Amino acid sequence: MSANVTVRGSADVTASEPAAVGRDRTVAVVGTGTMGQGIAQVALVAGHPVRLYDSAPGRAEEAVKALAARLDRLVDKGRLDATARVEALGRLHAARDLTDLADAALVVEAVVELLPVKRQLFADLEKVVADDTVLATNTSSLSVTAVAGGLRLPGRLVGLHFFNPAPLLPLVEVVSGFATDPDVATRAYGTVKGWGKTPVRCADTPGFIVNRIARPFYAEALRVFEEGAADPATVDAALRECGGFRMGPFELTDLIGQDVNEAVTRSVWESFHQDPKFTPSLAQRRLVESGRLGRKTGRGWFSYADGDERPAPHTAPPAEAPGRIVVRGDLGPAEPLVGLFEEAGIQVRRKGGGGHVLLPGGGMLRLADGRTSFEYGTDEIVHFDLALDYARATRIVLSTREGTSEETLAEAVGLFQALGKRVSVIGDVPGMIVARTVAMLADLAADAVDRGVATAEDVDTAMRLGVNYPVGPLEWAGKVGHARVRDLLDALHERCPTGRYAPSLATARRAYAEDAEDSR
């Protein structure tokens, strides 16, 4: 059974048995930096003849030597047979001129991210290669449509956005520009799939899938920091140990490079006509201006100088666990906590109510809902953050207002410590950390799907494989409930009415459908 996928700029294509560039056909790579060499390695190991070209004299020959060393390391690690290495090197050649690429069936460029440079390169290539040669750009930030705009045959150009390092990361975004021929996109998809990659189809939109939808992962963390609610180490720990993400946003942007991450955010923001959902962070801008770009400069949000230790996240001291609690109503996504409390020996009474936990001293414990603690009619309220899996989470995050008593906070801390969790306490910020991040990711993902950027399956796949999310944002929203996502965003929008948190129509549609189903 085949799956038909429609993205803007292309017709329906069948994904079951896509066409592909034959293994006997030449793949050319233009640009011999890290990405270019990585793409060439993938095509070479897959069995293609590969030609490398670089406009800088001698760079292609240097890249051939570097690729030979890469293959040697694969042999040493047992990932490549020695005979296969010899055969691969026999298929690898440096090109001294673009005319040496005349017989290529696929040409992938990985040159500098400047539109005039890419357009000139493809204009020159079009004079050399056959009319049925597939031309592909590895751009991560430019419009595929714009890159193809000056071509005689713009339908032959497609985006193939690999992720670095290309030989290791499985995801490839196959991007159809406005003029891209559907057969070309299908052929490109089938080719990279044959290389062992996991391709996803998407339309030519700013940031494609991953760089568009991932913005809140960084932006909400920066916002929490700018609001003075938590320090970078604590935010990172919350998203790792509670949210299940592999890395926190502050340590990840230090790894990526603050200048690179900020530039992508700014590019997406400007491409969407300064939509407030993508507004860059002033704090990150100041970090870039100061030259603290992360690991590559020795300092970003954290110091990487020899002997310097990473700041520890805030972790509450031990507190005594309450012996009993009352659970009022259904806790929604946090309902698994009830069983965990009982397993820890805490007496749990169930009563009707609005979905919260009553502590012995009269304090109220609520899942983050986008409201602040001071909005309730009592000082004795503590919010707790959303977790991917409360059983497996190693840290729980709490927030309180200044007037909350030490006794109430201690009971809340002790309750979660009784489950073996570390506990961080942050300031009274609406939506906390994980909950607001997941809600924003889910909203942008739903919006992308409804706008025809990609299918829901491809969006979730792209976010899991491209940026190592523990689950896709739409899958997570399905578990949390689209109605809960809408309500949390509505609450955030009410407290920050800039449009940044206003739920998209896509989220509203899904929430309405859930509400209608629940009312039956």
Protein backbone atom coordinates (compact mmCIF):
# COMPACT_ATOMS: atom_id res chain seq x y z
CA MET A 1 0.00 0.00 0.00
CA SER A 2 1.54 3.29 -1.06
CA ALA A 3 1.42 6.56 0.84
CA ASN A 4 0.67 9.70 -1.11
CA VAL A 5 2.19 12.90 0.21
CA THR A 6 1.40 16.41 -0.94
CA VAL A 7 3.57 19.37 -0.09
CA ARG A 8 3.27 22.85 -1.50
CA GLY A 9 5.22 23.18 -4.71
CA SER A 10 4.80 19.54 -5.74
CA ALA A 11 2.14 17.13 -6.86
CA ASP A 12 1.28 13.82 -5.21
CA VAL A 13 4.19 11.43 -5.15
CA THR A 14 4.27 7.80 -4.19
CA ALA A 15 6.66 6.93 -1.36
CA SER A 16 6.50 3.13 -1.46
CA GLU A 17 9.04 2.47 -4.26
CA PRO A 18 10.61 5.79 -5.21
CA ALA A 19 12.89 6.09 -8.22
CA ALA A 20 16.57 6.64 -7.54
CA VAL A 21 19.83 7.54 -9.25
CA GLY A 22 21.41 4.22 -10.23
CA ARG A 23 24.49 3.05 -8.32
CA ASP A 24 26.43 2.99 -11.59
CA ARG A 25 25.76 6.70 -12.21
CA THR A 26 28.13 9.43 -11.08
CA VAL A 27 27.34 11.68 -8.13
CA ALA A 28 29.22 14.98 -8.08
CA VAL A 29 29.72 17.12 -5.00
CA VAL A 30 30.68 20.77 -5.34
CA GLY A 31 32.28 22.23 -2.24
CA THR A 32 34.79 20.23 -0.22
CA GLY A 33 34.32 21.48 3.32
CA THR A 34 33.12 19.28 6.15
CA MET A 35 29.61 18.95 4.75
CA GLY A 36 30.72 18.38 1.18
CA GLN A 37 33.15 15.66 2.22
CA GLY A 38 30.46 14.07 4.38
CA ILE A 39 27.93 13.93 1.54
CA ALA A 40 30.59 12.55 -0.80
CA GLN A 41 31.45 9.84 1.71
CA VAL A 42 27.80 8.78 1.97
CA ALA A 43 27.41 8.51 -1.82
CA LEU A 44 30.76 6.75 -2.19
CA VAL A 45 30.11 4.10 0.46
CA ALA A 46 26.69 3.53 -1.14
CA GLY A 47 28.47 2.45 -4.32
CA HIS A 48 28.42 5.47 -6.64
CA PRO A 49 31.32 6.86 -8.65
CA VAL A 50 31.96 10.23 -6.99
CA ARG A 51 33.63 13.36 -8.31
CA LEU A 52 34.64 16.22 -6.03
CA TYR A 53 34.98 19.78 -7.26
CA ASP A 54 36.05 22.97 -5.49
CA SER A 55 36.72 26.37 -7.03
CA ALA A 56 39.82 26.78 -4.87
CA PRO A 57 42.83 25.17 -6.61
CA GLY A 58 44.02 21.97 -4.95
CA ARG A 59 41.09 21.70 -2.54
CA ALA A 60 39.43 18.84 -4.40
CA GLU A 61 42.65 16.80 -4.33
CA GLU A 62 43.04 17.51 -0.61
CA ALA A 63 39.46 16.38 -0.06
CA VAL A 64 40.12 13.09 -1.87
CA LYS A 65 43.02 12.43 0.52
CA ALA A 66 40.87 13.38 3.50
CA LEU A 67 38.14 10.98 2.34
CA ALA A 68 40.69 8.21 1.98
CA ALA A 69 41.67 8.81 5.62
CA ARG A 70 37.99 8.73 6.62
CA LEU A 71 37.60 5.35 4.94
CA ASP A 72 40.73 4.08 6.69
CA ARG A 73 39.17 4.96 10.03
CA LEU A 74 35.99 3.10 9.08
CA VAL A 75 38.06 0.02 8.29
CA ASP A 76 39.91 0.33 11.60
CA LYS A 77 36.59 0.49 13.44
CA GLY A 78 35.22 -2.51 11.59
CA ARG A 79 32.52 -0.49 9.84
CA LEU A 80 33.91 -1.00 6.34
CA ASP A 81 35.51 -3.99 4.69
CA ALA A 82 39.07 -3.45 3.45
CA THR A 83 38.11 -4.66 -0.02
CA ALA A 84 35.18 -2.22 -0.08
CA ARG A 85 37.60 0.56 0.83
CA VAL A 86 39.84 -0.22 -2.15
CA GLU A 87 36.84 -0.35 -4.48
CA ALA A 88 35.47 2.92 -3.12
CA LEU A 89 38.75 4.74 -3.62
CA GLY A 90 38.79 3.49 -7.19
CA ARG A 91 35.49 5.30 -7.76
CA LEU A 92 36.61 8.60 -6.17
CA HIS A 93 38.13 11.34 -8.30
CA ALA A 94 38.94 15.03 -8.02
CA ALA A 95 37.57 17.28 -10.74
CA ARG A 96 39.71 20.17 -11.91
CA ASP A 97 36.96 21.88 -13.86
CA LEU A 98 33.17 21.90 -13.87
CA THR A 99 33.28 20.27 -17.30
CA ASP A 100 34.59 17.13 -15.56
CA LEU A 101 31.11 16.77 -14.06
CA ALA A 102 29.37 16.54 -17.43
CA ASP A 103 28.25 12.92 -17.03
CA ALA A 104 26.97 13.28 -13.44
CA ALA A 105 23.40 12.10 -12.81
CA LEU A 106 23.22 14.06 -9.56
CA VAL A 107 25.17 17.14 -8.50
CA VAL A 108 24.96 18.27 -4.87
CA GLU A 109 26.37 21.64 -3.90
CA ALA A 110 27.68 22.39 -0.44
CA VAL A 111 29.22 25.82 -0.94
CA VAL A 112 28.96 29.04 1.06
CA GLU A 113 25.43 30.12 2.13
CA LEU A 114 25.21 33.10 -0.22
CA LEU A 115 22.39 33.18 -2.75
CA PRO A 116 24.37 34.87 -5.58
CA VAL A 117 27.16 32.30 -5.25
CA LYS A 118 24.78 29.35 -5.42
CA ARG A 119 22.79 30.77 -8.31
CA GLN A 120 25.93 31.41 -10.34
CA LEU A 121 27.22 27.91 -9.62
CA PHE A 122 24.02 26.25 -10.84
CA ALA A 123 23.88 28.52 -13.90
CA ASP A 124 27.39 27.35 -14.79
CA LEU A 125 26.52 23.72 -14.11
CA GLU A 126 23.47 23.91 -16.35
CA LYS A 127 25.73 24.70 -19.27
CA VAL A 128 27.72 21.51 -18.63
CA VAL A 129 25.45 18.70 -17.46
CA ALA A 130 22.64 16.92 -19.29
CA ASP A 131 19.08 18.21 -19.09
CA ASP A 132 18.00 15.21 -17.00
CA THR A 133 20.72 15.68 -14.37
CA VAL A 134 19.30 16.34 -10.92
CA LEU A 135 20.74 19.44 -9.28
CA ALA A 136 20.55 19.63 -5.48
CA THR A 137 21.36 22.36 -2.99
CA ASN A 138 22.29 21.55 0.58
CA THR A 139 21.23 24.99 1.78
CA SER A 140 19.90 25.18 5.32
CA SER A 141 18.70 28.79 5.28
CA LEU A 142 18.12 29.97 1.72
CA SER A 143 15.02 29.53 -0.41
CA VAL A 144 15.31 26.57 -2.78
CA THR A 145 12.92 28.45 -5.08
CA ALA A 146 15.25 31.44 -5.13
CA VAL A 147 18.32 29.29 -5.77
CA ALA A 148 16.58 27.78 -8.81
CA GLY A 149 15.14 31.09 -9.99
CA GLY A 150 17.75 31.83 -12.63
CA LEU A 151 17.89 28.38 -14.20
CA ARG A 152 16.75 27.51 -17.69
CA LEU A 153 15.21 24.35 -16.19
CA PRO A 154 14.31 25.30 -12.59
CA GLY A 155 12.26 22.12 -12.17
CA ARG A 156 15.43 20.03 -12.03
CA LEU A 157 16.63 21.63 -8.77
CA VAL A 158 15.69 20.25 -5.35
CA GLY A 159 16.88 20.82 -1.80
CA LEU A 160 18.77 18.00 -0.09
CA HIS A 161 19.43 19.31 3.40
CA PHE A 162 21.81 16.93 5.18
CA PHE A 163 22.60 17.35 8.86
CA ASN A 164 26.14 17.52 10.16
CA PRO A 165 27.94 15.13 10.34
CA ALA A 166 26.34 13.78 7.18
CA PRO A 167 27.76 10.24 7.41
CA LEU A 168 26.31 9.76 10.93
CA LEU A 169 23.03 11.65 11.11
CA PRO A 170 20.22 9.84 9.29
CA LEU A 171 17.87 12.71 8.42
CA VAL A 172 17.75 14.41 5.03
CA GLU A 173 15.11 17.04 4.26
CA VAL A 174 14.05 16.73 0.62
CA VAL A 175 12.80 20.22 -0.19
CA SER A 176 10.57 20.97 -3.16
CA GLY A 177 10.86 24.53 -4.40
CA PHE A 178 7.93 26.24 -6.09
CA ALA A 179 9.13 25.03 -9.50
CA THR A 180 10.64 21.66 -8.53
CA ASP A 181 9.39 18.84 -10.74
CA PRO A 182 7.64 16.19 -8.59
CA ASP A 183 9.57 13.45 -10.40
CA VAL A 184 12.84 15.15 -9.48
CA ALA A 185 11.85 15.33 -5.80
CA THR A 186 10.84 11.66 -5.90
CA ARG A 187 14.13 10.68 -7.54
CA ALA A 188 16.11 12.63 -4.95
CA TYR A 189 14.08 11.05 -2.15
CA GLY A 190 14.68 7.55 -3.49
CA THR A 191 18.39 8.20 -3.93
CA VAL A 192 19.10 9.31 -0.37
CA LYS A 193 16.86 6.55 0.97
CA GLY A 194 18.99 4.09 -0.99
CA TRP A 195 22.02 5.60 0.73
CA GLY A 196 20.62 4.42 4.05
CA LYS A 197 19.28 7.81 5.08
CA THR A 198 15.81 8.68 6.36
CA PRO A 199 14.42 11.31 3.99
CA VAL A 200 11.41 13.50 4.73
CA ARG A 201 9.58 15.60 2.16
CA CYS A 202 8.84 19.24 2.78
CA ALA A 203 7.89 22.40 0.95
CA ASP A 204 10.20 25.35 0.50
CA THR A 205 9.43 27.33 3.65
CA PRO A 206 11.82 29.30 5.89
CA GLY A 207 13.75 26.84 8.04
CA PHE A 208 12.17 23.87 6.23
CA ILE A 209 10.95 21.48 8.96
CA VAL A 210 13.61 21.23 11.64
CA ASN A 211 14.95 24.78 11.78
CA ARG A 212 11.43 26.18 11.65
CA ILE A 213 9.82 24.04 14.33
CA ALA A 214 12.83 23.86 16.67
CA ARG A 215 12.93 27.60 17.41
CA PRO A 216 10.88 27.43 20.67
CA PHE A 217 13.26 24.88 22.18
CA TYR A 218 15.84 27.66 22.32
CA ALA A 219 13.54 30.66 22.51
CA GLU A 220 11.48 29.60 25.53
CA ALA A 221 14.59 28.67 27.50
CA LEU A 222 16.05 32.08 26.75
CA ARG A 223 12.75 33.71 27.71
CA VAL A 224 12.67 31.91 31.08
CA PHE A 225 16.23 33.11 31.69
CA GLU A 226 15.40 36.69 30.64
CA GLU A 227 12.39 36.67 32.97
CA GLY A 228 14.75 35.83 35.84
CA ALA A 229 12.99 32.57 36.66
CA ALA A 230 15.96 30.19 36.35
CA ASP A 231 19.64 30.08 35.44
CA PRO A 232 20.92 28.29 32.31
CA ALA A 233 22.14 25.19 34.16
CA THR A 234 18.75 24.68 35.82
CA VAL A 235 16.83 25.20 32.56
CA ASP A 236 19.08 22.67 30.83
CA ALA A 237 18.61 20.15 33.63
CA ALA A 238 14.83 20.58 33.50
CA LEU A 239 14.62 19.86 29.79
CA ARG A 240 17.05 16.93 29.99
CA GLU A 241 15.99 15.21 33.20
CA CYS A 242 12.30 16.11 33.19
CA GLY A 243 11.57 16.69 29.51
CA GLY A 244 13.68 13.82 28.22
CA PHE A 245 15.66 15.91 25.71
CA ARG A 246 19.21 14.73 25.07
CA MET A 247 20.76 18.16 25.67
CA GLY A 248 19.53 21.39 27.19
CA PRO A 249 19.21 24.47 24.94
CA PHE A 250 22.02 26.45 26.59
CA GLU A 251 24.60 23.69 26.34
CA LEU A 252 23.37 22.83 22.84
CA THR A 253 23.70 26.38 21.53
CA ASP A 254 27.19 26.51 23.04
CA LEU A 255 27.97 23.40 20.99
CA ILE A 256 26.35 24.70 17.79
CA GLY A 257 27.84 28.17 18.19
CA GLN A 258 25.85 31.11 19.56
CA ASP A 259 26.44 33.08 16.37
CA VAL A 260 25.19 30.23 14.18
CA ASN A 261 22.10 29.55 16.30
CA GLU A 262 21.22 33.23 16.59
CA ALA A 263 21.68 33.72 12.84
CA VAL A 264 19.28 30.89 12.04
CA THR A 265 16.70 32.28 14.46
CA ARG A 266 17.05 35.76 12.97
CA SER A 267 16.84 34.40 9.42
CA VAL A 268 13.60 32.51 10.15
CA TRP A 269 12.16 35.55 11.99
CA GLU A 270 12.95 37.89 9.10
CA SER A 271 11.72 35.39 6.50
CA PHE A 272 8.38 35.24 8.32
CA HIS A 273 8.16 39.05 8.27
CA GLN A 274 9.16 39.35 11.94
CA ASP A 275 6.43 37.09 13.23
CA PRO A 276 6.55 37.35 17.07
CA LYS A 277 6.54 33.56 17.37
CA PHE A 278 10.14 33.60 16.08
CA THR A 279 11.45 36.75 17.81
CA PRO A 280 15.20 36.45 18.56
CA SER A 281 16.56 36.82 22.07
CA LEU A 282 18.24 40.01 23.21
CA ALA A 283 20.26 38.01 25.76
CA GLN A 284 21.65 35.77 23.02
CA ARG A 285 22.40 38.81 20.83
CA ARG A 286 24.45 40.33 23.66
CA LEU A 287 26.32 37.04 24.09
CA VAL A 288 27.21 37.04 20.38
CA GLU A 289 28.25 40.70 20.49
CA SER A 290 30.56 39.93 23.40
CA GLY A 291 32.31 37.21 21.39
CA ARG A 292 31.19 34.44 23.73
CA LEU A 293 30.19 32.03 21.00
CA GLY A 294 30.38 28.77 22.93
CA ARG A 295 32.83 25.92 22.82
CA LYS A 296 34.70 27.27 19.79
CA THR A 297 35.71 30.42 21.70
CA GLY A 298 36.07 28.76 25.08
CA ARG A 299 33.07 30.48 26.59
CA GLY A 300 29.38 30.91 25.87
CA TRP A 301 26.68 30.40 28.47
CA PHE A 302 29.24 28.22 30.20
CA SER A 303 33.04 28.34 30.42
CA TYR A 304 35.08 25.65 28.68
CA ALA A 305 38.48 26.70 29.97
CA ASP A 306 40.64 23.94 31.42
CA GLY A 307 39.75 23.31 35.04
CA ASP A 308 36.44 25.19 34.93
CA GLU A 309 33.46 23.18 36.14
CA ARG A 310 29.96 23.48 34.73
CA PRO A 311 27.60 25.30 37.13
CA ALA A 312 25.29 22.89 38.93
CA PRO A 313 21.53 23.25 38.50
CA HIS A 314 19.51 24.39 41.46
CA THR A 315 18.57 21.33 43.50
CA ALA A 316 16.47 21.61 46.64
CA PRO A 317 17.88 20.17 49.89
CA PRO A 318 16.23 17.06 51.38
CA ALA A 319 12.76 17.57 52.82
CA GLU A 320 10.41 15.27 54.69
CA ALA A 321 7.75 13.63 52.56
CA PRO A 322 4.12 14.06 53.60
CA GLY A 323 2.48 10.84 54.73
CA ARG A 324 -0.78 11.52 52.94
CA ILE A 325 -2.21 13.67 50.14
CA VAL A 326 -5.60 14.24 48.53
CA VAL A 327 -5.89 14.11 44.73
CA ARG A 328 -8.79 16.25 43.51
CA GLY A 329 -10.03 15.17 40.09
CA ASP A 330 -7.94 13.92 37.16
CA LEU A 331 -4.36 15.17 36.90
CA GLY A 332 -4.36 14.76 33.13
CA PRO A 333 -0.85 14.09 31.76
CA ALA A 334 0.39 13.90 35.39
CA GLU A 335 -2.07 11.15 36.37
CA PRO A 336 0.74 8.50 36.44
CA LEU A 337 2.08 10.34 39.51
CA VAL A 338 -0.78 8.98 41.60
CA GLY A 339 0.43 5.40 41.25
CA LEU A 340 4.01 6.49 41.91
CA PHE A 341 2.98 8.23 45.12
CA GLU A 342 1.16 5.10 46.30
CA GLU A 343 4.16 2.91 45.45
CA ALA A 344 6.31 5.24 47.58
CA GLY A 345 4.09 4.54 50.59
CA ILE A 346 2.19 7.81 50.55
CA GLN A 347 -1.51 7.52 51.40
CA VAL A 348 -3.59 8.88 48.55
CA ARG A 349 -7.29 9.82 48.83
CA ARG A 350 -9.25 10.58 45.67
CA LYS A 351 -11.94 13.23 45.61
CA GLY A 352 -13.73 15.18 42.94
CA GLY A 353 -12.32 18.52 41.97
CA GLY A 354 -10.36 20.57 39.50
CA GLY A 355 -7.30 18.41 38.92
CA HIS A 356 -4.78 19.19 41.66
CA VAL A 357 -3.11 17.72 44.74
CA LEU A 358 -3.88 18.93 48.26
CA LEU A 359 -0.95 18.75 50.66
CA PRO A 360 -1.45 18.03 54.39
CA GLY A 361 -0.79 21.64 55.36
CA GLY A 362 -3.49 22.91 53.01
CA GLY A 363 -1.22 23.83 50.10
CA MET A 364 -2.24 23.15 46.50
CA LEU A 365 -0.02 21.43 43.91
CA ARG A 366 -0.96 22.03 40.26
CA LEU A 367 0.43 21.00 36.89
CA ALA A 368 1.75 23.99 34.92
CA ASP A 369 -1.19 25.51 33.04
CA GLY A 370 0.13 28.83 31.76
CA ARG A 371 -1.05 30.83 34.78
CA THR A 372 1.08 32.32 37.53
CA SER A 373 0.72 31.40 41.20
CA PHE A 374 -0.30 34.91 42.31
CA GLU A 375 -3.53 34.64 40.32
CA TYR A 376 -5.04 32.16 42.76
CA GLY A 377 -6.93 33.09 45.90
CA THR A 378 -4.25 31.59 48.14
CA ASP A 379 -0.55 32.01 48.70
CA GLU A 380 -0.17 28.31 49.33
CA ILE A 381 0.15 27.09 45.76
CA VAL A 382 2.99 25.32 43.97
CA HIS A 383 3.10 24.49 40.27
CA PHE A 384 4.99 21.49 38.92
CA ASP A 385 6.24 21.08 35.38
CA LEU A 386 5.24 18.68 32.64
CA ALA A 387 7.42 15.57 32.23
CA LEU A 388 7.81 13.26 29.27
CA ASP A 389 7.54 10.25 31.58
CA TYR A 390 7.05 10.87 35.29
CA ALA A 391 8.25 7.37 36.16
CA ARG A 392 11.55 7.77 34.32
CA ALA A 393 12.13 11.46 34.98
CA THR A 394 15.01 12.04 37.39
CA ARG A 395 14.14 15.67 38.13
CA ILE A 396 10.91 17.54 38.82
CA VAL A 397 10.64 21.31 38.57
CA LEU A 398 8.48 23.36 40.94
CA SER A 399 7.57 27.05 40.94
CA THR A 400 6.07 29.21 43.67
CA ARG A 401 5.20 32.81 44.42
CA GLU A 402 7.10 34.80 47.02
CA GLY A 403 4.30 34.53 49.58
CA THR A 404 4.20 30.73 49.60
CA SER A 405 5.16 29.38 53.02
CA GLU A 406 8.30 27.34 53.59
CA GLU A 407 6.10 24.55 54.99
CA THR A 408 4.05 24.22 51.79
CA LEU A 409 7.15 24.28 49.58
CA ALA A 410 8.90 21.72 51.80
CA GLU A 411 5.90 19.36 51.58
CA ALA A 412 5.89 19.66 47.78
CA VAL A 413 9.65 19.10 47.56
CA GLY A 414 9.52 16.13 49.93
CA LEU A 415 6.62 14.58 48.01
CA PHE A 416 8.66 14.34 44.81
CA GLN A 417 11.88 13.44 46.61
CA ALA A 418 10.00 10.44 48.02
CA LEU A 419 9.82 9.22 44.41
CA GLY A 420 13.60 9.40 44.11
CA LYS A 421 13.52 12.63 42.09
CA ARG A 422 15.82 15.61 42.32
CA VAL A 423 13.79 18.78 42.68
CA SER A 424 14.50 22.22 41.26
CA VAL A 425 12.56 25.28 42.36
CA ILE A 426 12.27 28.17 39.91
CA GLY A 427 10.52 31.52 39.91
CA ASP A 428 6.83 32.08 39.30
CA VAL A 429 6.86 32.00 35.50
CA PRO A 430 3.73 31.05 33.50
CA GLY A 431 4.01 27.71 31.74
CA MET A 432 7.25 26.95 33.58
CA ILE A 433 9.92 25.33 31.33
CA VAL A 434 8.98 21.99 29.78
CA ALA A 435 5.24 22.68 29.48
CA ARG A 436 5.57 25.96 27.58
CA THR A 437 8.35 24.58 25.37
CA VAL A 438 6.35 21.49 24.39
CA ALA A 439 3.20 23.56 23.78
CA MET A 440 5.04 25.92 21.45
CA LEU A 441 6.77 23.08 19.59
CA ALA A 442 3.43 21.31 19.15
CA ASP A 443 1.75 24.48 17.93
CA LEU A 444 4.39 25.22 15.29
CA ALA A 445 4.36 21.58 14.20
CA ALA A 446 0.57 21.52 13.78
CA ASP A 447 0.70 24.82 11.91
CA ALA A 448 3.37 23.48 9.53
CA VAL A 449 1.30 20.39 8.77
CA ASP A 450 -1.89 22.35 8.11
CA ARG A 451 -0.01 24.76 5.84
CA GLY A 452 1.19 21.86 3.70
CA VAL A 453 4.86 22.09 4.69
CA ALA A 454 5.07 18.37 5.48
CA THR A 455 2.99 15.47 6.75
CA ALA A 456 2.55 14.93 10.48
CA GLU A 457 4.60 11.74 10.25
CA ASP A 458 7.46 13.50 8.48
CA VAL A 459 7.39 16.39 10.96
CA ASP A 460 7.71 14.05 13.94
CA THR A 461 10.37 11.98 12.18
CA ALA A 462 12.36 15.09 11.32
CA MET A 463 12.32 16.39 14.88
CA ARG A 464 13.31 13.04 16.37
CA LEU A 465 16.15 12.39 13.95
CA GLY A 466 17.25 15.92 13.10
CA VAL A 467 17.52 17.31 16.64
CA ASN A 468 17.20 14.14 18.74
CA TYR A 469 13.87 14.98 20.39
CA PRO A 470 12.64 12.14 22.60
CA VAL A 471 9.32 12.05 20.70
CA GLY A 472 7.89 14.11 17.88
CA PRO A 473 6.04 17.27 18.97
CA LEU A 474 2.74 16.11 17.48
CA GLU A 475 3.02 12.72 19.16
CA TRP A 476 3.68 14.48 22.47
CA ALA A 477 0.74 16.82 21.90
CA GLY A 478 -1.45 13.78 21.29
CA LYS A 479 -0.45 12.39 24.67
CA VAL A 480 -0.86 15.68 26.51
CA GLY A 481 -4.01 16.61 24.61
CA HIS A 482 -4.35 19.29 21.95
CA ALA A 483 -7.01 20.98 24.08
CA ARG A 484 -4.53 21.26 26.97
CA VAL A 485 -1.93 22.69 24.57
CA ARG A 486 -4.47 25.26 23.36
CA ASP A 487 -5.50 26.20 26.89
CA LEU A 488 -1.91 26.62 28.04
CA LEU A 489 -1.10 28.81 25.04
CA ASP A 490 -4.27 30.82 25.58
CA ALA A 491 -3.21 31.46 29.16
CA LEU A 492 0.30 32.48 28.08
CA HIS A 493 -1.15 34.74 25.38
CA GLU A 494 -3.39 36.44 27.93
CA ARG A 495 -0.33 37.24 30.07
CA CYS A 496 1.91 38.15 27.12
CA PRO A 497 -0.44 39.53 24.43
CA THR A 498 2.18 40.06 21.72
CA GLY A 499 0.98 37.22 19.50
CA ARG A 500 3.93 35.04 20.40
CA TYR A 501 1.78 32.53 22.28
CA ALA A 502 -1.52 32.88 20.41
CA PRO A 503 -2.57 29.33 19.42
CA SER A 504 -2.54 28.69 15.69
CA LEU A 505 -5.72 27.75 13.86
CA ALA A 506 -4.18 24.31 13.45
CA THR A 507 -3.99 23.79 17.21
CA ALA A 508 -7.48 25.25 17.64
CA ARG A 509 -8.88 22.78 15.10
CA ARG A 510 -7.32 19.82 16.85
CA ALA A 511 -8.47 21.04 20.25
CA TYR A 512 -12.02 21.58 18.97
CA ALA A 513 -12.07 18.04 17.59
CA GLU A 514 -10.93 16.70 20.98
CA ASP A 515 -13.55 18.74 22.80
CA ALA A 516 -16.25 17.48 20.45
CA GLU A 517 -15.13 13.87 20.93
CA ASP A 518 -15.07 14.23 24.72
CA SER A 519 -18.59 15.69 24.77
CA ARG A 520 -20.12 12.67 23.04
